[in-house]
């Protein structure tokens, strides 16, 4: 049975002190606001509303932890890049995510969720640079809204970019509406969870203030 079946919400952390103790390996999902991150998480978990979805960007203001089968965890990070959020709130989100990514020795991988129609925006690029050699999965959501030719072009563009960075990386087209890529992504992420956290460097601050 998939590690992503029977997921259970564990807790929400709004401050570094509220982060749960380290334990099982974790896969963190990051992405700009309104790229379909929560919908992608729900599709992978086989649930409709476990991760909150909204048409209003910036709704996720905490780091949300979900327990998977085998005691692994899925971690939903606050979306970045929502300009309408107050500066003080954006700064708090940035500090929270920064502390998580800096300190978490159990982090097995980061899933960077990007809209397939507009991948590699400026803040995505900054996060890629900051993550260094962290094991990375680029998930190109809303791919069903592109033609086959456009899908191939988006996939190739991101593949070229990921080939320039250190560390293991994968990229896949994804659609929470049609199910495109769901099973394949589950299998790849399960393999990374079983492999455990890689040796990687996280010695800079991520650009997640929502500028």
N, C-alpha and C. Protein backbone atom coordinates (compact mmCIF):
# COMPACT_ATOMS: atom_id res chain seq x y z
N UNK A 1 0.84 -1.19 0.00
CA UNK A 1 0.00 0.00 0.00
C UNK A 1 0.88 1.25 0.00
N UNK A 2 0.45 2.28 -0.70
CA UNK A 2 1.24 3.50 -0.84
C UNK A 2 1.46 4.19 0.50
N UNK A 3 2.64 4.79 0.65
CA UNK A 3 2.93 5.58 1.85
C UNK A 3 2.01 6.78 1.94
N UNK A 4 1.41 7.18 0.81
CA UNK A 4 0.57 8.37 0.79
C UNK A 4 -0.89 8.07 1.11
N UNK A 5 -1.20 6.82 1.35
CA UNK A 5 -2.57 6.47 1.72
C UNK A 5 -2.75 6.65 3.23
N UNK A 6 -3.96 6.97 3.63
CA UNK A 6 -4.33 7.11 5.04
C UNK A 6 -3.50 8.19 5.76
N UNK A 7 -3.23 9.29 5.07
CA UNK A 7 -2.49 10.39 5.69
C UNK A 7 -3.34 11.04 6.78
N UNK A 8 -2.66 11.51 7.82
CA UNK A 8 -3.34 12.11 8.97
C UNK A 8 -2.68 13.46 9.28
N UNK A 9 -3.50 14.48 9.47
CA UNK A 9 -2.96 15.78 9.89
C UNK A 9 -2.38 15.66 11.29
N UNK A 10 -1.16 16.20 11.48
CA UNK A 10 -0.48 16.12 12.77
C UNK A 10 -0.56 17.43 13.52
N UNK A 11 -0.05 18.51 12.91
CA UNK A 11 -0.06 19.80 13.59
C UNK A 11 0.26 20.91 12.60
N UNK A 12 0.01 22.15 13.04
CA UNK A 12 0.35 23.35 12.27
C UNK A 12 1.28 24.19 13.13
N UNK A 13 2.40 24.62 12.55
CA UNK A 13 3.37 25.42 13.28
C UNK A 13 3.40 26.83 12.73
N UNK A 14 3.11 27.81 13.57
CA UNK A 14 3.15 29.20 13.16
C UNK A 14 4.41 29.91 13.62
N UNK A 15 5.20 29.23 14.46
CA UNK A 15 6.47 29.76 14.95
C UNK A 15 7.48 28.62 15.00
N UNK A 16 8.78 28.92 14.92
CA UNK A 16 9.79 27.86 14.99
C UNK A 16 9.66 26.99 16.23
N UNK A 17 9.27 27.59 17.35
CA UNK A 17 9.15 26.83 18.59
C UNK A 17 8.03 25.80 18.52
N UNK A 18 7.10 25.95 17.58
CA UNK A 18 5.97 25.04 17.46
C UNK A 18 6.25 23.87 16.51
N UNK A 19 7.43 23.85 15.87
CA UNK A 19 7.75 22.74 14.99
C UNK A 19 7.81 21.45 15.80
N UNK A 20 7.24 20.35 15.29
CA UNK A 20 7.30 19.10 16.04
C UNK A 20 8.72 18.56 16.09
N UNK A 21 9.04 17.74 17.08
CA UNK A 21 10.39 17.16 17.16
C UNK A 21 10.73 16.37 15.91
N UNK A 22 12.00 16.36 15.55
CA UNK A 22 12.43 15.57 14.40
C UNK A 22 12.24 14.09 14.70
N UNK A 23 12.00 13.33 13.65
CA UNK A 23 11.80 11.90 13.82
C UNK A 23 11.89 11.21 12.48
N UNK A 24 10.74 10.92 11.84
CA UNK A 24 10.76 10.23 10.55
C UNK A 24 11.19 11.17 9.43
N UNK A 25 11.57 10.61 8.27
CA UNK A 25 11.95 11.46 7.13
C UNK A 25 10.76 12.29 6.66
N UNK A 26 11.07 13.49 6.16
CA UNK A 26 10.04 14.43 5.73
C UNK A 26 10.29 14.88 4.30
N UNK A 27 9.20 15.07 3.57
CA UNK A 27 9.25 15.70 2.25
C UNK A 27 8.44 16.98 2.33
N UNK A 28 9.09 18.11 2.02
CA UNK A 28 8.44 19.42 2.14
C UNK A 28 8.00 19.91 0.77
N UNK A 29 6.80 20.48 0.72
CA UNK A 29 6.26 21.05 -0.51
C UNK A 29 6.34 22.58 -0.41
N UNK A 30 6.99 23.20 -1.40
CA UNK A 30 7.14 24.65 -1.45
C UNK A 30 6.65 25.14 -2.80
N UNK A 31 6.25 26.42 -2.85
CA UNK A 31 5.83 26.99 -4.13
C UNK A 31 5.20 28.35 -3.95
N UNK A 32 5.13 29.09 -5.04
CA UNK A 32 4.49 30.39 -5.01
C UNK A 32 3.00 30.23 -4.72
N UNK A 33 2.41 31.28 -4.18
CA UNK A 33 0.98 31.25 -3.90
C UNK A 33 0.18 31.02 -5.18
N UNK A 34 -0.85 30.20 -5.06
CA UNK A 34 -1.82 29.98 -6.14
C UNK A 34 -1.28 29.19 -7.32
N UNK A 35 -0.29 28.32 -7.09
CA UNK A 35 0.20 27.45 -8.18
C UNK A 35 -0.42 26.06 -8.12
N UNK A 36 -1.31 25.82 -7.14
CA UNK A 36 -1.95 24.52 -7.04
C UNK A 36 -1.26 23.58 -6.10
N UNK A 37 -0.51 24.11 -5.13
CA UNK A 37 0.25 23.26 -4.20
C UNK A 37 -0.68 22.40 -3.35
N UNK A 38 -1.69 23.01 -2.73
CA UNK A 38 -2.60 22.24 -1.88
C UNK A 38 -3.37 21.21 -2.68
N UNK A 39 -3.80 21.56 -3.89
CA UNK A 39 -4.50 20.61 -4.75
C UNK A 39 -3.59 19.43 -5.12
N UNK A 40 -2.31 19.72 -5.37
CA UNK A 40 -1.37 18.64 -5.68
C UNK A 40 -1.18 17.72 -4.49
N UNK A 41 -1.07 18.30 -3.29
CA UNK A 41 -0.92 17.48 -2.08
C UNK A 41 -2.15 16.60 -1.89
N UNK A 42 -3.34 17.16 -2.04
CA UNK A 42 -4.56 16.38 -1.89
C UNK A 42 -4.62 15.25 -2.91
N UNK A 43 -4.21 15.51 -4.15
CA UNK A 43 -4.22 14.47 -5.18
C UNK A 43 -3.27 13.34 -4.83
N UNK A 44 -2.09 13.68 -4.34
CA UNK A 44 -1.12 12.65 -3.96
C UNK A 44 -1.59 11.84 -2.76
N UNK A 45 -2.30 12.49 -1.86
CA UNK A 45 -2.79 11.80 -0.66
C UNK A 45 -4.10 11.07 -0.92
N UNK A 46 -4.69 11.29 -2.10
CA UNK A 46 -5.96 10.66 -2.39
C UNK A 46 -7.11 11.20 -1.57
N UNK A 47 -7.00 12.46 -1.19
CA UNK A 47 -8.02 13.11 -0.37
C UNK A 47 -8.49 14.38 -1.07
N UNK A 48 -9.68 14.83 -0.75
CA UNK A 48 -10.21 16.01 -1.41
C UNK A 48 -9.91 17.29 -0.65
N UNK A 49 -9.91 17.26 0.68
CA UNK A 49 -9.80 18.50 1.44
C UNK A 49 -8.86 18.41 2.62
N UNK A 50 -7.94 17.46 2.61
CA UNK A 50 -7.03 17.36 3.76
C UNK A 50 -6.13 18.60 3.83
N UNK A 51 -5.53 18.95 2.70
CA UNK A 51 -4.79 20.22 2.61
C UNK A 51 -5.76 21.28 2.11
N UNK A 52 -5.83 22.41 2.80
CA UNK A 52 -6.81 23.44 2.47
C UNK A 52 -6.48 24.11 1.15
N UNK A 53 -7.49 24.17 0.26
CA UNK A 53 -7.33 24.87 -1.02
C UNK A 53 -8.21 26.11 -1.01
N UNK A 54 -7.76 27.13 -1.72
CA UNK A 54 -8.52 28.37 -1.78
C UNK A 54 -8.17 29.12 -3.05
N UNK A 55 -9.13 29.89 -3.56
CA UNK A 55 -8.86 30.76 -4.70
C UNK A 55 -8.16 32.04 -4.26
N UNK A 56 -8.08 32.24 -2.94
CA UNK A 56 -7.40 33.41 -2.41
C UNK A 56 -5.95 33.07 -2.10
N UNK A 57 -4.96 33.64 -2.81
CA UNK A 57 -3.56 33.32 -2.54
C UNK A 57 -3.17 33.73 -1.12
N UNK A 58 -2.20 32.99 -0.56
CA UNK A 58 -1.65 33.37 0.73
C UNK A 58 -2.43 32.87 1.92
N UNK A 59 -3.36 31.91 1.72
CA UNK A 59 -4.18 31.44 2.82
C UNK A 59 -3.38 30.58 3.80
N UNK A 60 -2.43 29.78 3.29
CA UNK A 60 -1.62 28.94 4.17
C UNK A 60 -0.59 29.80 4.88
N UNK A 61 -0.76 29.97 6.19
CA UNK A 61 0.12 30.84 6.95
C UNK A 61 0.96 30.07 7.97
N UNK A 62 0.83 28.77 7.98
CA UNK A 62 1.58 27.94 8.90
C UNK A 62 2.26 26.81 8.12
N UNK A 63 3.22 26.16 8.78
CA UNK A 63 3.79 24.93 8.24
C UNK A 63 2.92 23.78 8.75
N UNK A 64 2.32 23.05 7.83
CA UNK A 64 1.39 21.98 8.20
C UNK A 64 2.04 20.62 8.00
N UNK A 65 1.95 19.78 9.01
CA UNK A 65 2.57 18.46 9.01
C UNK A 65 1.51 17.37 8.90
N UNK A 66 1.77 16.39 8.01
CA UNK A 66 0.88 15.25 7.83
C UNK A 66 1.69 13.96 8.00
N UNK A 67 1.14 13.02 8.75
CA UNK A 67 1.81 11.73 8.94
C UNK A 67 1.39 10.77 7.84
N UNK A 68 2.37 10.14 7.19
CA UNK A 68 2.12 9.17 6.14
C UNK A 68 2.31 7.77 6.69
N UNK A 69 1.95 6.77 5.90
CA UNK A 69 2.21 5.38 6.31
C UNK A 69 3.71 5.17 6.47
N UNK A 70 4.09 4.33 7.41
CA UNK A 70 5.50 4.09 7.65
C UNK A 70 6.15 5.19 8.46
N UNK A 71 5.32 6.05 9.05
CA UNK A 71 5.78 7.13 9.93
C UNK A 71 6.53 8.24 9.22
N UNK A 72 6.51 8.26 7.89
CA UNK A 72 7.08 9.39 7.16
C UNK A 72 6.14 10.58 7.29
N UNK A 73 6.64 11.77 6.92
CA UNK A 73 5.83 12.98 7.01
C UNK A 73 5.85 13.76 5.70
N UNK A 74 4.72 14.36 5.40
CA UNK A 74 4.62 15.34 4.33
C UNK A 74 4.44 16.70 4.99
N UNK A 75 5.18 17.70 4.50
CA UNK A 75 5.18 19.02 5.13
C UNK A 75 4.77 20.06 4.10
N UNK A 76 3.72 20.80 4.39
CA UNK A 76 3.18 21.83 3.49
C UNK A 76 3.67 23.19 3.99
N UNK A 77 4.58 23.81 3.22
CA UNK A 77 5.14 25.11 3.59
C UNK A 77 4.25 26.24 3.08
N UNK A 78 4.23 27.38 3.77
CA UNK A 78 3.44 28.52 3.29
C UNK A 78 3.87 28.95 1.90
N UNK A 79 2.90 29.32 1.06
CA UNK A 79 3.23 29.81 -0.27
C UNK A 79 3.94 31.15 -0.20
N UNK A 80 4.83 31.39 -1.15
CA UNK A 80 5.56 32.65 -1.18
C UNK A 80 5.20 33.44 -2.43
N UNK A 81 5.47 34.74 -2.38
CA UNK A 81 5.24 35.57 -3.55
C UNK A 81 3.90 36.24 -3.60
N UNK A 82 3.14 36.22 -2.47
CA UNK A 82 1.82 36.88 -2.48
C UNK A 82 1.99 38.33 -2.07
N UNK A 83 1.97 39.24 -3.03
CA UNK A 83 2.31 40.64 -2.78
C UNK A 83 1.31 41.36 -1.89
N UNK A 84 0.06 40.90 -1.84
CA UNK A 84 -0.95 41.61 -1.06
C UNK A 84 -0.85 41.34 0.44
N UNK A 85 -0.12 40.33 0.82
CA UNK A 85 0.04 40.06 2.25
C UNK A 85 0.85 41.19 2.89
N UNK A 86 0.50 41.60 4.11
CA UNK A 86 1.27 42.66 4.78
C UNK A 86 2.74 42.27 4.92
N UNK A 87 3.62 43.27 4.85
CA UNK A 87 5.05 43.02 4.91
C UNK A 87 5.45 42.27 6.17
N UNK A 88 4.86 42.64 7.31
CA UNK A 88 5.21 41.98 8.56
C UNK A 88 4.84 40.50 8.51
N UNK A 89 3.70 40.17 7.89
CA UNK A 89 3.28 38.78 7.79
C UNK A 89 4.20 38.02 6.84
N UNK A 90 4.58 38.65 5.73
CA UNK A 90 5.48 38.00 4.79
C UNK A 90 6.83 37.72 5.44
N UNK A 91 7.31 38.67 6.25
CA UNK A 91 8.58 38.48 6.94
C UNK A 91 8.49 37.33 7.94
N UNK A 92 7.36 37.21 8.63
CA UNK A 92 7.20 36.12 9.60
C UNK A 92 7.17 34.78 8.88
N UNK A 93 6.45 34.71 7.75
CA UNK A 93 6.43 33.47 6.98
C UNK A 93 7.85 33.10 6.54
N UNK A 94 8.60 34.11 6.04
CA UNK A 94 9.94 33.84 5.56
C UNK A 94 10.85 33.30 6.64
N UNK A 95 10.77 33.90 7.84
CA UNK A 95 11.59 33.43 8.94
C UNK A 95 11.22 32.02 9.37
N UNK A 96 9.93 31.72 9.37
CA UNK A 96 9.47 30.40 9.76
C UNK A 96 9.98 29.33 8.80
N UNK A 97 9.82 29.56 7.50
CA UNK A 97 10.26 28.59 6.51
C UNK A 97 11.78 28.47 6.51
N UNK A 98 12.46 29.59 6.66
CA UNK A 98 13.92 29.57 6.72
C UNK A 98 14.40 28.70 7.87
N UNK A 99 13.82 28.90 9.06
CA UNK A 99 14.23 28.11 10.22
C UNK A 99 13.97 26.63 9.99
N UNK A 100 12.84 26.31 9.38
CA UNK A 100 12.54 24.90 9.12
C UNK A 100 13.58 24.29 8.19
N UNK A 101 13.84 24.94 7.05
CA UNK A 101 14.75 24.37 6.06
C UNK A 101 16.20 24.33 6.56
N UNK A 102 16.57 25.28 7.39
CA UNK A 102 17.93 25.29 7.94
C UNK A 102 18.15 24.15 8.93
N UNK A 103 17.15 23.92 9.76
CA UNK A 103 17.37 23.08 10.93
C UNK A 103 16.99 21.62 10.75
N UNK A 104 16.20 21.30 9.73
CA UNK A 104 15.59 19.96 9.67
C UNK A 104 16.55 18.93 9.09
N UNK A 105 17.18 18.14 9.93
CA UNK A 105 18.11 17.11 9.46
C UNK A 105 17.37 15.92 8.87
N UNK A 106 16.07 15.80 9.12
CA UNK A 106 15.27 14.69 8.59
C UNK A 106 14.63 15.01 7.24
N UNK A 107 14.99 16.15 6.65
CA UNK A 107 14.40 16.55 5.37
C UNK A 107 14.96 15.68 4.25
N UNK A 108 14.11 14.84 3.68
CA UNK A 108 14.55 13.92 2.62
C UNK A 108 14.55 14.58 1.26
N UNK A 109 13.66 15.55 1.04
CA UNK A 109 13.57 16.21 -0.26
C UNK A 109 12.65 17.41 -0.16
N UNK A 110 12.79 18.31 -1.12
CA UNK A 110 11.87 19.43 -1.28
C UNK A 110 11.18 19.29 -2.63
N UNK A 111 9.85 19.39 -2.62
CA UNK A 111 9.08 19.40 -3.86
C UNK A 111 8.75 20.85 -4.18
N UNK A 112 9.32 21.36 -5.26
CA UNK A 112 9.06 22.72 -5.71
C UNK A 112 7.89 22.69 -6.69
N UNK A 113 6.75 23.21 -6.27
CA UNK A 113 5.55 23.19 -7.10
C UNK A 113 5.50 24.47 -7.93
N UNK A 114 5.41 24.31 -9.24
CA UNK A 114 5.35 25.45 -10.14
C UNK A 114 4.22 25.25 -11.14
N UNK A 115 3.56 26.33 -11.51
CA UNK A 115 2.54 26.31 -12.56
C UNK A 115 3.26 26.02 -13.89
N UNK A 116 2.86 24.95 -14.56
CA UNK A 116 3.52 24.56 -15.81
C UNK A 116 3.46 25.65 -16.87
N UNK A 117 2.48 26.55 -16.75
CA UNK A 117 2.35 27.63 -17.73
C UNK A 117 3.35 28.75 -17.47
N UNK A 118 3.85 28.85 -16.22
CA UNK A 118 4.76 29.94 -15.85
C UNK A 118 5.83 29.42 -14.88
N UNK A 119 6.64 28.45 -15.29
CA UNK A 119 7.66 27.91 -14.38
C UNK A 119 8.87 28.83 -14.26
N UNK A 120 9.64 28.61 -13.21
CA UNK A 120 10.92 29.29 -13.01
C UNK A 120 10.76 30.80 -12.94
N UNK A 121 9.79 31.26 -12.17
CA UNK A 121 9.68 32.69 -11.88
C UNK A 121 10.85 33.12 -11.02
N UNK A 122 11.00 34.42 -10.82
CA UNK A 122 12.17 34.95 -10.11
C UNK A 122 12.33 34.35 -8.71
N UNK A 123 11.24 34.24 -7.95
CA UNK A 123 11.35 33.68 -6.60
C UNK A 123 11.61 32.18 -6.63
N UNK A 124 11.12 31.48 -7.65
CA UNK A 124 11.46 30.07 -7.81
C UNK A 124 12.97 29.92 -8.03
N UNK A 125 13.52 30.77 -8.88
CA UNK A 125 14.95 30.72 -9.16
C UNK A 125 15.77 31.00 -7.89
N UNK A 126 15.33 31.95 -7.10
CA UNK A 126 16.04 32.26 -5.87
C UNK A 126 16.01 31.09 -4.90
N UNK A 127 14.86 30.43 -4.81
CA UNK A 127 14.76 29.28 -3.92
C UNK A 127 15.63 28.14 -4.43
N UNK A 128 15.68 27.93 -5.72
CA UNK A 128 16.56 26.91 -6.29
C UNK A 128 18.01 27.17 -5.91
N UNK A 129 18.44 28.43 -6.02
CA UNK A 129 19.81 28.77 -5.66
C UNK A 129 20.06 28.52 -4.19
N UNK A 130 19.14 28.89 -3.36
CA UNK A 130 19.32 28.75 -1.92
C UNK A 130 19.36 27.29 -1.49
N UNK A 131 18.56 26.43 -2.12
CA UNK A 131 18.49 25.03 -1.72
C UNK A 131 19.77 24.27 -2.02
N UNK A 132 20.60 24.81 -2.92
CA UNK A 132 21.89 24.17 -3.18
C UNK A 132 21.72 22.73 -3.64
N UNK A 133 22.38 21.81 -2.91
CA UNK A 133 22.35 20.40 -3.30
C UNK A 133 21.23 19.60 -2.68
N UNK A 134 20.26 20.25 -2.08
CA UNK A 134 19.11 19.54 -1.51
C UNK A 134 18.42 18.72 -2.59
N UNK A 135 18.06 17.49 -2.28
CA UNK A 135 17.32 16.66 -3.23
C UNK A 135 16.01 17.38 -3.59
N UNK A 136 15.73 17.47 -4.90
CA UNK A 136 14.65 18.34 -5.35
C UNK A 136 13.76 17.63 -6.36
N UNK A 137 12.46 17.87 -6.23
CA UNK A 137 11.48 17.39 -7.21
C UNK A 137 10.70 18.61 -7.69
N UNK A 138 10.80 18.92 -8.98
CA UNK A 138 10.03 20.02 -9.57
C UNK A 138 8.73 19.46 -10.12
N UNK A 139 7.63 19.94 -9.58
CA UNK A 139 6.30 19.45 -9.96
C UNK A 139 5.61 20.55 -10.76
N UNK A 140 5.33 20.27 -12.04
CA UNK A 140 4.74 21.27 -12.93
C UNK A 140 3.23 21.04 -12.99
N UNK A 141 2.50 21.79 -12.17
CA UNK A 141 1.07 21.59 -12.03
C UNK A 141 0.28 22.27 -13.16
N UNK A 142 -1.00 21.94 -13.22
CA UNK A 142 -1.93 22.51 -14.21
C UNK A 142 -1.48 22.21 -15.64
N UNK A 143 -0.77 21.09 -15.80
CA UNK A 143 -0.25 20.73 -17.12
C UNK A 143 -1.35 20.41 -18.10
N UNK A 144 -2.55 20.06 -17.61
CA UNK A 144 -3.66 19.77 -18.51
C UNK A 144 -4.13 21.00 -19.26
N UNK A 145 -3.70 22.18 -18.83
CA UNK A 145 -4.09 23.42 -19.50
C UNK A 145 -3.14 23.80 -20.63
N UNK A 146 -2.16 22.93 -20.89
CA UNK A 146 -1.21 23.15 -21.98
C UNK A 146 -1.41 22.12 -23.08
N UNK A 147 -1.04 22.47 -24.29
CA UNK A 147 -1.03 21.51 -25.38
C UNK A 147 0.15 20.55 -25.18
N UNK A 148 0.17 19.46 -25.92
CA UNK A 148 1.28 18.51 -25.82
C UNK A 148 2.61 19.20 -26.13
N UNK A 149 2.60 20.04 -27.15
CA UNK A 149 3.83 20.76 -27.52
C UNK A 149 4.29 21.68 -26.40
N UNK A 150 3.35 22.39 -25.80
CA UNK A 150 3.67 23.29 -24.69
C UNK A 150 4.15 22.51 -23.47
N UNK A 151 3.56 21.36 -23.22
CA UNK A 151 4.00 20.52 -22.11
C UNK A 151 5.46 20.10 -22.28
N UNK A 152 5.79 19.62 -23.47
CA UNK A 152 7.17 19.19 -23.74
C UNK A 152 8.14 20.34 -23.58
N UNK A 153 7.75 21.53 -24.04
CA UNK A 153 8.63 22.70 -23.95
C UNK A 153 8.87 23.08 -22.49
N UNK A 154 7.80 23.08 -21.67
CA UNK A 154 7.94 23.42 -20.26
C UNK A 154 8.81 22.40 -19.54
N UNK A 155 8.60 21.12 -19.84
CA UNK A 155 9.37 20.06 -19.20
C UNK A 155 10.85 20.18 -19.55
N UNK A 156 11.15 20.42 -20.81
CA UNK A 156 12.53 20.53 -21.24
C UNK A 156 13.21 21.77 -20.64
N UNK A 157 12.48 22.86 -20.54
CA UNK A 157 13.05 24.08 -19.96
C UNK A 157 13.46 23.85 -18.51
N UNK A 158 12.60 23.23 -17.74
CA UNK A 158 12.91 22.99 -16.33
C UNK A 158 14.00 21.94 -16.19
N UNK A 159 13.98 20.91 -17.03
CA UNK A 159 15.04 19.90 -16.98
C UNK A 159 16.42 20.53 -17.21
N UNK A 160 16.49 21.42 -18.20
CA UNK A 160 17.77 22.09 -18.47
C UNK A 160 18.22 22.89 -17.26
N UNK A 161 17.29 23.58 -16.63
CA UNK A 161 17.66 24.38 -15.45
C UNK A 161 18.13 23.49 -14.31
N UNK A 162 17.44 22.39 -14.07
CA UNK A 162 17.83 21.52 -12.97
C UNK A 162 19.16 20.82 -13.22
N UNK A 163 19.51 20.62 -14.48
CA UNK A 163 20.78 19.98 -14.81
C UNK A 163 21.97 20.86 -14.43
N UNK A 164 21.71 22.15 -14.20
CA UNK A 164 22.78 23.09 -13.87
C UNK A 164 23.08 23.14 -12.38
N UNK A 165 22.23 22.53 -11.56
CA UNK A 165 22.41 22.61 -10.11
C UNK A 165 22.97 21.30 -9.56
N UNK A 166 23.52 21.39 -8.35
CA UNK A 166 24.04 20.21 -7.69
C UNK A 166 22.90 19.42 -7.07
N UNK A 167 23.15 18.15 -6.79
CA UNK A 167 22.16 17.35 -6.08
C UNK A 167 21.19 16.64 -7.01
N UNK A 168 20.58 15.60 -6.50
CA UNK A 168 19.61 14.81 -7.26
C UNK A 168 18.35 15.63 -7.51
N UNK A 169 17.81 15.54 -8.71
CA UNK A 169 16.62 16.32 -9.05
C UNK A 169 15.78 15.57 -10.08
N UNK A 170 14.49 15.74 -9.98
CA UNK A 170 13.54 15.18 -10.93
C UNK A 170 12.53 16.26 -11.29
N UNK A 171 11.90 16.12 -12.45
CA UNK A 171 10.82 17.03 -12.84
C UNK A 171 9.74 16.22 -13.53
N UNK A 172 8.48 16.52 -13.22
CA UNK A 172 7.35 15.81 -13.82
C UNK A 172 6.20 16.77 -14.09
N UNK A 173 5.46 16.52 -15.17
CA UNK A 173 4.21 17.20 -15.41
C UNK A 173 3.15 16.62 -14.48
N UNK A 174 2.20 17.48 -14.07
CA UNK A 174 1.24 17.04 -13.06
C UNK A 174 -0.09 17.77 -13.27
N UNK A 175 -1.17 17.05 -12.99
CA UNK A 175 -2.49 17.68 -13.00
C UNK A 175 -3.34 17.03 -11.93
N UNK A 176 -3.75 17.80 -10.95
CA UNK A 176 -4.62 17.27 -9.90
C UNK A 176 -6.03 17.04 -10.45
N UNK A 177 -6.37 17.67 -11.56
CA UNK A 177 -7.72 17.53 -12.14
C UNK A 177 -7.85 16.24 -12.93
N UNK A 178 -6.83 15.91 -13.74
CA UNK A 178 -6.90 14.71 -14.59
C UNK A 178 -6.17 13.51 -14.01
N UNK A 179 -5.33 13.75 -13.00
CA UNK A 179 -4.54 12.65 -12.42
C UNK A 179 -3.21 12.44 -13.12
N UNK A 180 -2.88 13.29 -14.08
CA UNK A 180 -1.60 13.17 -14.79
C UNK A 180 -0.44 13.20 -13.80
N UNK A 181 0.40 12.18 -13.83
CA UNK A 181 1.62 12.14 -13.02
C UNK A 181 1.45 11.71 -11.59
N UNK A 182 0.22 11.52 -11.11
CA UNK A 182 0.01 11.26 -9.68
C UNK A 182 0.71 9.99 -9.23
N UNK A 183 0.47 8.87 -9.88
CA UNK A 183 1.06 7.60 -9.44
C UNK A 183 2.58 7.61 -9.57
N UNK A 184 3.07 8.17 -10.67
CA UNK A 184 4.53 8.21 -10.87
C UNK A 184 5.21 9.05 -9.81
N UNK A 185 4.62 10.19 -9.47
CA UNK A 185 5.20 11.06 -8.46
C UNK A 185 5.18 10.38 -7.09
N UNK A 186 4.09 9.71 -6.77
CA UNK A 186 4.03 8.97 -5.51
C UNK A 186 5.18 7.98 -5.40
N UNK A 187 5.39 7.19 -6.46
CA UNK A 187 6.43 6.16 -6.43
C UNK A 187 7.82 6.76 -6.24
N UNK A 188 8.10 7.85 -6.94
CA UNK A 188 9.41 8.48 -6.83
C UNK A 188 9.64 9.06 -5.43
N UNK A 189 8.61 9.72 -4.89
CA UNK A 189 8.75 10.30 -3.56
C UNK A 189 8.87 9.22 -2.50
N UNK A 190 8.15 8.12 -2.65
CA UNK A 190 8.27 7.02 -1.71
C UNK A 190 9.70 6.48 -1.70
N UNK A 191 10.31 6.37 -2.87
CA UNK A 191 11.69 5.89 -2.95
C UNK A 191 12.63 6.82 -2.21
N UNK A 192 12.41 8.13 -2.33
CA UNK A 192 13.26 9.09 -1.63
C UNK A 192 13.04 9.02 -0.12
N UNK A 193 11.81 8.81 0.31
CA UNK A 193 11.54 8.67 1.74
C UNK A 193 12.25 7.44 2.30
N UNK A 194 12.24 6.36 1.55
CA UNK A 194 12.91 5.14 2.00
C UNK A 194 14.42 5.32 2.03
N UNK A 195 14.95 6.12 1.10
CA UNK A 195 16.40 6.36 1.06
C UNK A 195 16.85 7.25 2.20
N UNK A 196 15.94 8.09 2.72
CA UNK A 196 16.28 8.98 3.81
C UNK A 196 16.94 10.26 3.34
N UNK A 197 17.23 11.17 4.28
CA UNK A 197 17.81 12.47 3.92
C UNK A 197 19.21 12.33 3.33
N UNK A 198 19.49 13.06 2.25
CA UNK A 198 20.84 13.07 1.69
C UNK A 198 21.71 14.08 2.44
N UNK A 199 23.01 13.97 2.25
CA UNK A 199 23.90 15.00 2.78
C UNK A 199 23.77 16.21 1.88
N UNK A 200 23.43 17.35 2.46
CA UNK A 200 23.26 18.56 1.65
C UNK A 200 23.58 19.78 2.50
N UNK A 201 23.77 20.90 1.81
CA UNK A 201 24.11 22.15 2.48
C UNK A 201 22.95 23.11 2.38
N UNK A 202 22.55 23.71 3.51
CA UNK A 202 21.48 24.71 3.53
C UNK A 202 21.99 25.89 4.35
N UNK A 203 22.95 26.61 3.80
CA UNK A 203 23.63 27.62 4.59
C UNK A 203 23.32 29.04 4.18
N UNK A 204 22.23 29.25 3.43
CA UNK A 204 21.80 30.59 3.07
C UNK A 204 20.36 30.79 3.51
N UNK A 205 19.84 31.95 3.29
CA UNK A 205 18.46 32.23 3.67
C UNK A 205 17.58 32.20 2.43
N UNK A 206 16.45 31.48 2.48
CA UNK A 206 15.61 31.39 1.29
C UNK A 206 14.81 32.64 1.05
N UNK A 207 14.52 32.96 -0.22
CA UNK A 207 13.75 34.15 -0.55
C UNK A 207 12.27 33.91 -0.46
N UNK A 208 11.73 33.77 0.74
CA UNK A 208 10.32 33.42 0.89
C UNK A 208 9.55 34.51 1.60
N UNK A 209 9.98 35.76 1.45
CA UNK A 209 9.29 36.85 2.10
C UNK A 209 8.11 37.38 1.30
N UNK A 210 7.92 36.83 0.10
CA UNK A 210 6.77 37.23 -0.71
C UNK A 210 6.95 38.52 -1.44
N UNK A 211 8.19 38.91 -1.73
CA UNK A 211 8.44 40.18 -2.41
C UNK A 211 7.86 40.16 -3.81
